[in-house]
C-alpha cells in the first residue's frame, strides 16, 4: 500500500539544523496542510522532542501537535492532516505504536491520502517489518510487523564498506546479506542526506547521496538522486514467518 510518503534516512545532517537539508521537499509534501501530528515515541523525552519539531515547522506556518499532548492518540491520528514519525529507537517506537492502538489508525489515514513523513526509525515503520533497523532491541514489541505502507524494506543511515578498515564487526552490507538469506524482499539502503518520495504508484530517490538496492540473488545496485524506483512498489515480499 503506497500513498503520499516522504521517507528520510535522517532528520539532520552533520553541522546542519533539523530537516533543513530537505525542507523544500517537506513543505511540498505538506502543501495545503496547516496541522501536523507528530509521533515522538522513538525517544524517551516526548515533550522535548515535540518542542524541537514544532520549532522546525514554525517558519512554514505548520501547527504541530505531539501525540504526547493528547488524551487519546489514536483519535488525534484519525483527525490528522499529516503524520510525521520521528527517529530514535525502532523497537521502542513500534511497541509504543502497538500499545496505543496506532498501527491501524495510521494505516487508514495514509490509505485515505493523508501525507506521511518518517525519518530514521519513522522510515523503518513505513516498511512491512522493522527487521532492517540498525537499532538495539532495548524493548520487546508484540511482533516485528510494522505499518506496511510500502512492500519492501529500507535500511536508514546506510554506510558503505570502508576499504582497508580493520574493524572486525559486520558491515552494513553483510548484515543486509544475512537478512536476504532468510527473507526474499528488496532492501533499499538510504545514505545520509537521501530520502524516498512516494506519490501514488511512483517512487523516486531524492537528496544528495543516493542509495544502494539489495535483492536476493543479485549484486547491490547503485542508485542516484532522481532515479525512479517505482518498480519496488510492485514487490511481493516473502518473510521468514518463523520469527
Foldseek 3Di string as FASTA:
>chain_A
DAAWEKEALAQDDVPGAGNPLPVVVVCVSQPPAQEEEEEQQQDDPQVVVQVSVQVVCVVVNHHYDYCVNDDQSLVVLLVGLAYEYEDHALLRSQQVCVVRVNLVSNLVCRVVRRYYYYYQSGNCQCEQFVLQEPHDNPDHHPDRGHNHNADAAEYRQQDDDDPPDPDPDDHSVVSVLVQQVAKFGKYKYHHHQKIWTDHPLWIFIAGADFIWIDGPPDDIDTGGHGDTPSVNRVDDIGGNPVD
